[in-house]
Amino acid sequence: MRRCSMTVMAGAAVVLSIMPGIGFAAVSEPPADPKIDAAPCFAAAMAEADPDQIAASCGPVIDNEKTPAADRLRALLARAAALRRQQQDDRAIADYDAALKLDPTLADILNARGELWRKKGERPRALSDFGAALKLNPQHPAARANYKALAQELERLGAQMAVANKPSFNCATAKRPVEKAICADPALANLDREIEGVLVLVLNDVGRGSALGRKVRREHEAFLATRNASFGRPGYDLQKAMKARLQQLAGADGY
């Protein structure tokens, strides 16, 4: 019995003798996180690999807090380009947002984000991005072209809104019943303005003083005379007659 007790004590002594080592291991520094290898992300982007492959290889680089800012920026731009190829515009914009927080001086990325905003119909945001890109680089060709085109589009939309639901003539001075009817109906008012707009284009195209130009004007005067005289009579459909005249002016009958 005494021998067994001594054996247990000896074993305990051995365990106690190695405890300091165990205790030291327990409080030692945790192993450092393995370094994120950004090379696969960059290689996939350079090779224009499958977008899913780029997203999979660049995601860990972007998400790791210890990734150097320069590598995270490159990975964000690579993934954004891949997302654009997949038509995932919202996610691409989010990556461009993150990239511009890291470096707000990237004119190319401001222009790229502006193009996505414009695609989504967010014209003011797009114009702002194009303008910011031009402020950074006044000679940026894509941003210059995009800014000019969008500014013209906004101007055209503004002009259209200003005349929306208004005919080609002044309703305040309208006297004929047919003109008052056109003024009272937004659909007819827009149709009347369209007819006048196409008429001007046709006359400019064929020449107002040419034989064909004179023919077009005579036919339009005849249309107006018939419209004025026929309005209100049984069986006369004003909207149908106006649509037929628009179709004729638009070229269906050879103008």
C-alpha atoms as a PDB file:
ATOM      1  CA  MET A   1       0.000   0.000   0.000  1.00  0.00           C
ATOM      2  CA  ARG A   2       2.880   2.300   0.892  1.00  0.00           C
ATOM      3  CA  ARG A   3       4.502   1.473  -2.456  1.00  0.00           C
ATOM      4  CA  CYS A   4       1.321   2.375  -4.386  1.00  0.00           C
ATOM      5  CA  SER A   5       1.076   5.676  -2.552  1.00  0.00           C
ATOM      6  CA  MET A   6       4.643   6.500  -3.376  1.00  0.00           C
ATOM      7  CA  THR A   7       4.010   5.703  -7.049  1.00  0.00           C
ATOM      8  CA  VAL A   8       1.056   8.095  -7.193  1.00  0.00           C
ATOM      9  CA  MET A   9       3.098  10.796  -5.510  1.00  0.00           C
ATOM     10  CA  ALA A  10       5.930  10.255  -7.953  1.00  0.00           C
ATOM     11  CA  GLY A  11       3.513  10.561 -10.899  1.00  0.00           C
ATOM     12  CA  ALA A  12       2.085  13.710  -9.454  1.00  0.00           C
ATOM     13  CA  ALA A  13       5.585  15.075  -9.112  1.00  0.00           C
ATOM     14  CA  VAL A  14       6.240  14.411 -12.794  1.00  0.00           C
ATOM     15  CA  VAL A  15       3.006  16.245 -13.802  1.00  0.00           C
ATOM     16  CA  LEU A  16       3.878  19.127 -11.521  1.00  0.00           C
ATOM     17  CA  SER A  17       7.347  19.245 -12.993  1.00  0.00           C
ATOM     18  CA  ILE A  18       5.954  19.927 -16.515  1.00  0.00           C
ATOM     19  CA  MET A  19       3.155  22.311 -15.457  1.00  0.00           C
ATOM     20  CA  PRO A  20       5.334  25.395 -15.807  1.00  0.00           C
ATOM     21  CA  GLY A  21       5.776  24.503 -19.450  1.00  0.00           C
ATOM     22  CA  ILE A  22       2.065  23.994 -19.915  1.00  0.00           C
ATOM     23  CA  GLY A  23       1.324  27.212 -18.146  1.00  0.00           C
ATOM     24  CA  PHE A  24       3.760  29.129 -20.380  1.00  0.00           C
ATOM     25  CA  ALA A  25       2.182  27.697 -23.536  1.00  0.00           C
ATOM     26  CA  ALA A  26      -1.258  28.722 -22.351  1.00  0.00           C
ATOM     27  CA  VAL A  27      -0.333  32.401 -21.926  1.00  0.00           C
ATOM     28  CA  SER A  28       1.941  32.708 -24.949  1.00  0.00           C
ATOM     29  CA  GLU A  29       1.005  35.117 -27.842  1.00  0.00           C
ATOM     30  CA  PRO A  30      -1.609  33.656 -30.223  1.00  0.00           C
ATOM     31  CA  PRO A  31      -0.210  32.766 -33.629  1.00  0.00           C
ATOM     32  CA  ALA A  32      -0.441  35.627 -36.105  1.00  0.00           C
ATOM     33  CA  ASP A  33      -3.192  35.490 -38.710  1.00  0.00           C
ATOM     34  CA  PRO A  34      -1.899  34.047 -41.933  1.00  0.00           C
ATOM     35  CA  LYS A  35      -1.242  36.790 -44.453  1.00  0.00           C
ATOM     36  CA  ILE A  36      -3.993  37.176 -47.037  1.00  0.00           C
ATOM     37  CA  ASP A  37      -2.602  36.407 -50.471  1.00  0.00           C
ATOM     38  CA  ALA A  38      -3.993  38.991 -52.887  1.00  0.00           C
ATOM     39  CA  ALA A  39      -2.206  37.505 -55.909  1.00  0.00           C
ATOM     40  CA  PRO A  40      -5.084  35.182 -56.989  1.00  0.00           C
ATOM     41  CA  CYS A  41      -7.508  38.114 -56.932  1.00  0.00           C
ATOM     42  CA  PHE A  42      -5.260  40.298 -59.062  1.00  0.00           C
ATOM     43  CA  ALA A  43      -4.402  37.459 -61.438  1.00  0.00           C
ATOM     44  CA  ALA A  44      -8.079  36.614 -61.977  1.00  0.00           C
ATOM     45  CA  ALA A  45      -8.869  40.261 -62.648  1.00  0.00           C
ATOM     46  CA  MET A  46      -5.994  40.663 -65.110  1.00  0.00           C
ATOM     47  CA  ALA A  47      -7.101  37.540 -66.962  1.00  0.00           C
ATOM     48  CA  GLU A  48     -10.732  38.774 -66.993  1.00  0.00           C
ATOM     49  CA  ALA A  49     -11.712  35.463 -65.479  1.00  0.00           C
ATOM     50  CA  ASP A  50     -15.249  34.395 -64.656  1.00  0.00           C
ATOM     51  CA  PRO A  51     -16.852  37.120 -62.503  1.00  0.00           C
ATOM     52  CA  ASP A  52     -17.758  34.611 -59.810  1.00  0.00           C
ATOM     53  CA  GLN A  53     -14.108  33.525 -59.618  1.00  0.00           C
ATOM     54  CA  ILE A  54     -12.983  37.129 -59.264  1.00  0.00           C
ATOM     55  CA  ALA A  55     -15.548  37.793 -56.539  1.00  0.00           C
ATOM     56  CA  ALA A  56     -14.550  34.626 -54.678  1.00  0.00           C
ATOM     57  CA  SER A  57     -10.827  35.388 -54.787  1.00  0.00           C
ATOM     58  CA  CYS A  58     -11.135  39.104 -54.061  1.00  0.00           C
ATOM     59  CA  GLY A  59     -13.733  38.865 -51.291  1.00  0.00           C
ATOM     60  CA  PRO A  60     -11.335  37.627 -48.583  1.00  0.00           C
ATOM     61  CA  VAL A  61      -8.814  40.316 -49.537  1.00  0.00           C
ATOM     62  CA  ILE A  62     -11.474  43.012 -49.160  1.00  0.00           C
ATOM     63  CA  ASP A  63     -12.953  41.636 -45.919  1.00  0.00           C
ATOM     64  CA  ASN A  64      -9.710  41.051 -44.013  1.00  0.00           C
ATOM     65  CA  GLU A  65      -8.976  43.968 -41.683  1.00  0.00           C
ATOM     66  CA  LYS A  66      -5.225  43.463 -42.021  1.00  0.00           C
ATOM     67  CA  THR A  67      -5.187  43.787 -45.803  1.00  0.00           C
ATOM     68  CA  PRO A  68      -3.067  46.802 -46.800  1.00  0.00           C
ATOM     69  CA  ALA A  69      -5.172  49.682 -48.090  1.00  0.00           C
ATOM     70  CA  ALA A  70      -3.563  49.560 -51.524  1.00  0.00           C
ATOM     71  CA  ASP A  71      -4.414  45.868 -51.934  1.00  0.00           C
ATOM     72  CA  ARG A  72      -7.960  46.375 -50.669  1.00  0.00           C
ATOM     73  CA  LEU A  73      -8.433  49.203 -53.167  1.00  0.00           C
ATOM     74  CA  ARG A  74      -7.262  47.055 -56.072  1.00  0.00           C
ATOM     75  CA  ALA A  75      -9.469  44.180 -54.946  1.00  0.00           C
ATOM     76  CA  LEU A  76     -12.520  46.457 -54.655  1.00  0.00           C
ATOM     77  CA  LEU A  77     -12.009  47.774 -58.161  1.00  0.00           C
ATOM     78  CA  ALA A  78     -11.487  44.273 -59.536  1.00  0.00           C
ATOM     79  CA  ARG A  79     -14.677  43.001 -57.926  1.00  0.00           C
ATOM     80  CA  ALA A  80     -16.643  46.071 -59.004  1.00  0.00           C
ATOM     81  CA  ALA A  81     -15.643  45.480 -62.618  1.00  0.00           C
ATOM     82  CA  ALA A  82     -16.711  41.847 -62.333  1.00  0.00           C
ATOM     83  CA  LEU A  83     -20.049  42.859 -60.825  1.00  0.00           C
ATOM     84  CA  ARG A  84     -20.633  45.287 -63.688  1.00  0.00           C
ATOM     85  CA  ARG A  85     -20.150  42.410 -66.129  1.00  0.00           C
ATOM     86  CA  GLN A  86     -22.877  40.556 -64.240  1.00  0.00           C
ATOM     87  CA  GLN A  87     -25.203  43.594 -64.339  1.00  0.00           C
ATOM     88  CA  GLN A  88     -25.118  43.755 -60.526  1.00  0.00           C
ATOM     89  CA  ASP A  89     -25.046  47.524 -60.560  1.00  0.00           C
ATOM     90  CA  ASP A  90     -25.999  48.165 -56.930  1.00  0.00           C
ATOM     91  CA  ARG A  91     -23.204  45.952 -55.618  1.00  0.00           C
ATOM     92  CA  ALA A  92     -20.731  47.490 -58.052  1.00  0.00           C
ATOM     93  CA  ILE A  93     -21.710  50.974 -56.846  1.00  0.00           C
ATOM     94  CA  ALA A  94     -21.164  49.841 -53.248  1.00  0.00           C
ATOM     95  CA  ASP A  95     -17.641  48.690 -54.116  1.00  0.00           C
ATOM     96  CA  TYR A  96     -16.942  51.964 -55.922  1.00  0.00           C
ATOM     97  CA  ASP A  97     -18.181  53.818 -52.814  1.00  0.00           C
ATOM     98  CA  ALA A  98     -15.737  51.882 -50.654  1.00  0.00           C
ATOM     99  CA  ALA A  99     -12.908  52.441 -53.124  1.00  0.00           C
ATOM    100  CA  LEU A 100     -13.500  56.191 -53.225  1.00  0.00           C
ATOM    101  CA  LYS A 101     -13.387  56.322 -49.427  1.00  0.00           C
ATOM    102  CA  LEU A 102      -9.908  54.857 -49.659  1.00  0.00           C
ATOM    103  CA  ASP A 103      -8.884  57.212 -52.461  1.00  0.00           C
ATOM    104  CA  PRO A 104     -11.295  60.026 -53.426  1.00  0.00           C
ATOM    105  CA  THR A 105      -9.001  61.241 -56.227  1.00  0.00           C
ATOM    106  CA  LEU A 106      -9.844  58.464 -58.699  1.00  0.00           C
ATOM    107  CA  ALA A 107     -11.413  60.254 -61.678  1.00  0.00           C
ATOM    108  CA  ASP A 108     -11.845  56.986 -63.575  1.00  0.00           C
ATOM    109  CA  ILE A 109     -13.876  55.491 -60.733  1.00  0.00           C
ATOM    110  CA  LEU A 110     -16.032  58.589 -60.310  1.00  0.00           C
ATOM    111  CA  ASN A 111     -16.832  58.383 -64.009  1.00  0.00           C
ATOM    112  CA  ALA A 112     -17.529  54.643 -63.793  1.00  0.00           C
ATOM    113  CA  ARG A 113     -19.862  55.112 -60.832  1.00  0.00           C
ATOM    114  CA  GLY A 114     -21.566  57.971 -62.679  1.00  0.00           C
ATOM    115  CA  GLU A 115     -22.241  55.675 -65.622  1.00  0.00           C
ATOM    116  CA  LEU A 116     -23.955  53.203 -63.295  1.00  0.00           C
ATOM    117  CA  TRP A 117     -26.028  55.950 -61.676  1.00  0.00           C
ATOM    118  CA  ARG A 118     -27.112  57.113 -65.125  1.00  0.00           C
ATOM    119  CA  LYS A 119     -28.017  53.561 -66.104  1.00  0.00           C
ATOM    120  CA  LYS A 120     -30.233  53.357 -63.013  1.00  0.00           C
ATOM    121  CA  GLY A 121     -31.938  56.624 -63.965  1.00  0.00           C
ATOM    122  CA  GLU A 122     -30.285  58.574 -61.138  1.00  0.00           C
ATOM    123  CA  ARG A 123     -29.352  61.489 -63.392  1.00  0.00           C
ATOM    124  CA  PRO A 124     -28.459  64.098 -60.718  1.00  0.00           C
ATOM    125  CA  ARG A 125     -26.088  61.650 -59.000  1.00  0.00           C
ATOM    126  CA  ALA A 126     -24.563  60.723 -62.334  1.00  0.00           C
ATOM    127  CA  LEU A 127     -24.031  64.354 -63.286  1.00  0.00           C
ATOM    128  CA  SER A 128     -22.420  65.001 -59.901  1.00  0.00           C
ATOM    129  CA  ASP A 129     -19.960  62.126 -60.399  1.00  0.00           C
ATOM    130  CA  PHE A 130     -19.087  63.208 -63.945  1.00  0.00           C
ATOM    131  CA  GLY A 131     -18.535  66.757 -62.690  1.00  0.00           C
ATOM    132  CA  ALA A 132     -16.336  65.548 -59.832  1.00  0.00           C
ATOM    133  CA  ALA A 133     -14.265  63.484 -62.265  1.00  0.00           C
ATOM    134  CA  LEU A 134     -13.784  66.530 -64.481  1.00  0.00           C
ATOM    135  CA  LYS A 135     -12.761  68.644 -61.488  1.00  0.00           C
ATOM    136  CA  LEU A 136      -9.991  66.122 -60.824  1.00  0.00           C
ATOM    137  CA  ASN A 137      -9.084  65.751 -64.493  1.00  0.00           C
ATOM    138  CA  PRO A 138     -10.570  68.404 -66.805  1.00  0.00           C
ATOM    139  CA  GLN A 139      -9.302  66.493 -69.837  1.00  0.00           C
ATOM    140  CA  HIS A 140     -10.880  63.139 -68.901  1.00  0.00           C
ATOM    141  CA  PRO A 141     -12.405  62.156 -72.282  1.00  0.00           C
ATOM    142  CA  ALA A 142     -15.098  59.771 -71.045  1.00  0.00           C
ATOM    143  CA  ALA A 143     -16.207  62.069 -68.232  1.00  0.00           C
ATOM    144  CA  ARG A 144     -16.335  65.055 -70.608  1.00  0.00           C
ATOM    145  CA  ALA A 145     -18.472  63.136 -73.109  1.00  0.00           C
ATOM    146  CA  ASN A 146     -20.737  61.740 -70.389  1.00  0.00           C
ATOM    147  CA  TYR A 147     -21.194  65.114 -68.699  1.00  0.00           C
ATOM    148  CA  LYS A 148     -22.048  66.846 -71.977  1.00  0.00           C
ATOM    149  CA  ALA A 149     -24.490  64.163 -73.094  1.00  0.00           C
ATOM    150  CA  LEU A 150     -26.245  64.030 -69.720  1.00  0.00           C
ATOM    151  CA  ALA A 151     -26.444  67.817 -69.428  1.00  0.00           C
ATOM    152  CA  GLN A 152     -28.084  67.978 -72.856  1.00  0.00           C
ATOM    153  CA  GLU A 153     -30.471  65.183 -71.879  1.00  0.00           C
ATOM    154  CA  LEU A 154     -31.480  67.007 -68.704  1.00  0.00           C
ATOM    155  CA  GLU A 155     -31.971  70.219 -70.651  1.00  0.00           C
ATOM    156  CA  ARG A 156     -34.164  68.408 -73.171  1.00  0.00           C
ATOM    157  CA  LEU A 157     -36.199  66.767 -70.402  1.00  0.00           C
ATOM    158  CA  GLY A 158     -36.630  70.127 -68.730  1.00  0.00           C
ATOM    159  CA  ALA A 159     -37.884  71.653 -71.956  1.00  0.00           C
ATOM    160  CA  GLN A 160     -40.292  68.766 -72.452  1.00  0.00           C
ATOM    161  CA  MET A 161     -41.636  69.142 -68.926  1.00  0.00           C
ATOM    162  CA  ALA A 162     -42.150  72.862 -69.521  1.00  0.00           C
ATOM    163  CA  VAL A 163     -44.453  72.199 -72.482  1.00  0.00           C
ATOM    164  CA  ALA A 164     -46.013  68.971 -71.270  1.00  0.00           C
ATOM    165  CA  ASN A 165     -49.773  68.848 -71.866  1.00  0.00           C
ATOM    166  CA  LYS A 166     -49.632  72.096 -73.831  1.00  0.00           C
ATOM    167  CA  PRO A 167     -50.544  72.359 -77.549  1.00  0.00           C
ATOM    168  CA  SER A 168     -48.594  74.207 -80.218  1.00  0.00           C
ATOM    169  CA  PHE A 169     -50.808  77.294 -79.919  1.00  0.00           C
ATOM    170  CA  ASN A 170     -51.671  79.669 -77.083  1.00  0.00           C
ATOM    171  CA  CYS A 171     -54.730  78.398 -75.238  1.00  0.00           C
ATOM    172  CA  ALA A 172     -55.322  81.843 -73.736  1.00  0.00           C
ATOM    173  CA  THR A 173     -56.199  83.202 -77.187  1.00  0.00           C
ATOM    174  CA  ALA A 174     -57.954  80.085 -78.525  1.00  0.00           C
ATOM    175  CA  LYS A 175     -61.381  80.891 -79.983  1.00  0.00           C
ATOM    176  CA  ARG A 176     -62.415  77.893 -82.080  1.00  0.00           C
ATOM    177  CA  PRO A 177     -64.308  75.107 -80.304  1.00  0.00           C
ATOM    178  CA  VAL A 178     -61.841  72.537 -81.587  1.00  0.00           C
ATOM    179  CA  GLU A 179     -58.896  74.476 -80.173  1.00  0.00           C
ATOM    180  CA  LYS A 180     -60.617  74.805 -76.805  1.00  0.00           C
ATOM    181  CA  ALA A 181     -61.264  71.054 -76.847  1.00  0.00           C
ATOM    182  CA  ILE A 182     -57.580  70.393 -77.547  1.00  0.00           C
ATOM    183  CA  CYS A 183     -56.555  72.708 -74.693  1.00  0.00           C
ATOM    184  CA  ALA A 184     -58.906  70.880 -72.314  1.00  0.00           C
ATOM    185  CA  ASP A 185     -57.517  67.414 -73.111  1.00  0.00           C
ATOM    186  CA  PRO A 186     -53.832  66.741 -72.260  1.00  0.00           C
ATOM    187  CA  ALA A 187     -53.664  63.818 -74.703  1.00  0.00           C
ATOM    188  CA  LEU A 188     -54.944  65.968 -77.572  1.00  0.00           C
ATOM    189  CA  ALA A 189     -52.673  68.842 -76.531  1.00  0.00           C
ATOM    190  CA  ASN A 190     -49.583  66.616 -76.623  1.00  0.00           C
ATOM    191  CA  LEU A 191     -50.708  65.172 -79.959  1.00  0.00           C
ATOM    192  CA  ASP A 192     -51.136  68.661 -81.429  1.00  0.00           C
ATOM    193  CA  ARG A 193     -47.626  69.636 -80.276  1.00  0.00           C
ATOM    194  CA  GLU A 194     -46.182  66.471 -81.802  1.00  0.00           C
ATOM    195  CA  ILE A 195     -47.855  67.230 -85.133  1.00  0.00           C
ATOM    196  CA  GLU A 196     -46.427  70.750 -85.161  1.00  0.00           C
ATOM    197  CA  GLY A 197     -42.956  69.482 -84.225  1.00  0.00           C
ATOM    198  CA  VAL A 198     -42.878  66.877 -86.987  1.00  0.00           C
ATOM    199  CA  LEU A 199     -44.245  69.403 -89.480  1.00  0.00           C
ATOM    200  CA  VAL A 200     -41.347  71.747 -88.738  1.00  0.00           C
ATOM    201  CA  LEU A 201     -38.844  68.903 -89.140  1.00  0.00           C
ATOM    202  CA  VAL A 202     -40.367  67.850 -92.471  1.00  0.00           C
ATOM    203  CA  LEU A 203     -40.360  71.395 -93.851  1.00  0.00           C
ATOM    204  CA  ASN A 204     -36.771  71.929 -92.771  1.00  0.00           C
ATOM    205  CA  ASP A 205     -35.790  68.649 -94.374  1.00  0.00           C
ATOM    206  CA  VAL A 206     -37.478  69.098 -97.756  1.00  0.00           C
ATOM    207  CA  GLY A 207     -37.096  72.872 -97.903  1.00  0.00           C
ATOM    208  CA  ARG A 208     -39.913  75.252 -97.116  1.00  0.00           C
ATOM    209  CA  GLY A 209     -39.743  76.896-100.557  1.00  0.00           C
ATOM    210  CA  SER A 210     -39.411  73.672-102.520  1.00  0.00           C
ATOM    211  CA  ALA A 211     -42.252  72.126-104.481  1.00  0.00           C
ATOM    212  CA  LEU A 212     -42.565  69.372-101.896  1.00  0.00           C
ATOM    213  CA  GLY A 213     -42.421  71.878 -99.053  1.00  0.00           C
ATOM    214  CA  ARG A 214     -45.275  73.863-100.565  1.00  0.00           C
ATOM    215  CA  LYS A 215     -47.246  70.660-101.062  1.00  0.00           C
ATOM    216  CA  VAL A 216     -46.778  69.716 -97.408  1.00  0.00           C
ATOM    217  CA  ARG A 217     -47.940  73.123 -96.241  1.00  0.00           C
ATOM    218  CA  ARG A 218     -51.034  73.023 -98.481  1.00  0.00           C
ATOM    219  CA  GLU A 219     -51.943  69.594 -97.180  1.00  0.00           C
ATOM    220  CA  HIS A 220     -51.520  70.722 -93.603  1.00  0.00           C
ATOM    221  CA  GLU A 221     -53.687  73.772 -94.171  1.00  0.00           C
ATOM    222  CA  ALA A 222     -56.316  71.480 -95.662  1.00  0.00           C
ATOM    223  CA  PHE A 223     -56.067  69.198 -92.619  1.00  0.00           C
ATOM    224  CA  LEU A 224     -56.597  72.161 -90.273  1.00  0.00           C
ATOM    225  CA  ALA A 225     -59.537  73.453 -92.304  1.00  0.00           C
ATOM    226  CA  THR A 226     -61.212  70.031 -92.283  1.00  0.00           C
ATOM    227  CA  ARG A 227     -60.510  69.632 -88.560  1.00  0.00           C
ATOM    228  CA  ASN A 228     -62.014  73.018 -87.744  1.00  0.00           C
ATOM    229  CA  ALA A 229     -65.098  72.447 -89.880  1.00  0.00           C
ATOM    230  CA  SER A 230     -65.717  68.830 -88.888  1.00  0.00           C
ATOM    231  CA  PHE A 231     -65.250  69.031 -85.140  1.00  0.00           C
ATOM    232  CA  GLY A 232     -68.517  68.454 -83.328  1.00  0.00           C
ATOM    233  CA  ARG A 233     -70.216  66.755 -86.244  1.00  0.00           C
ATOM    234  CA  PRO A 234     -71.563  63.212 -85.806  1.00  0.00           C
ATOM    235  CA  GLY A 235     -68.995  60.566 -86.632  1.00  0.00           C
ATOM    236  CA  TYR A 236     -65.966  62.864 -86.551  1.00  0.00           C
ATOM    237  CA  ASP A 237     -63.174  61.493 -84.328  1.00  0.00           C
ATOM    238  CA  LEU A 238     -60.729  64.323 -83.601  1.00  0.00           C
ATOM    239  CA  GLN A 239     -58.075  62.162 -81.987  1.00  0.00           C
ATOM    240  CA  LYS A 240     -58.184  59.642 -84.841  1.00  0.00           C
ATOM    241  CA  ALA A 241     -57.843  62.424 -87.420  1.00  0.00           C
ATOM    242  CA  MET A 242     -54.891  63.953 -85.556  1.00  0.00           C
ATOM    243  CA  LYS A 243     -53.117  60.604 -85.273  1.00  0.00           C
ATOM    244  CA  ALA A 244     -53.606  60.009 -88.997  1.00  0.00           C
ATOM    245  CA  ARG A 245     -52.075  63.391 -89.794  1.00  0.00           C
ATOM    246  CA  LEU A 246     -49.116  62.694 -87.508  1.00  0.00           C
ATOM    247  CA  GLN A 247     -48.538  59.359 -89.208  1.00  0.00           C
ATOM    248  CA  GLN A 248     -48.655  61.033 -92.608  1.00  0.00           C
ATOM    249  CA  LEU A 249     -46.147  63.682 -91.589  1.00  0.00           C
ATOM    250  CA  ALA A 250     -43.877  61.083 -90.006  1.00  0.00           C
ATOM    251  CA  GLY A 251     -43.287  59.564 -93.421  1.00  0.00           C
ATOM    252  CA  ALA A 252     -45.810  56.776 -93.835  1.00  0.00           C
ATOM    253  CA  ASP A 253     -47.033  58.405 -97.047  1.00  0.00           C
ATOM    254  CA  GLY A 254     -43.663  59.285 -98.497  1.00  0.00           C
ATOM    255  CA  TYR A 255     -42.601  62.677 -97.168  1.00  0.00           C
END
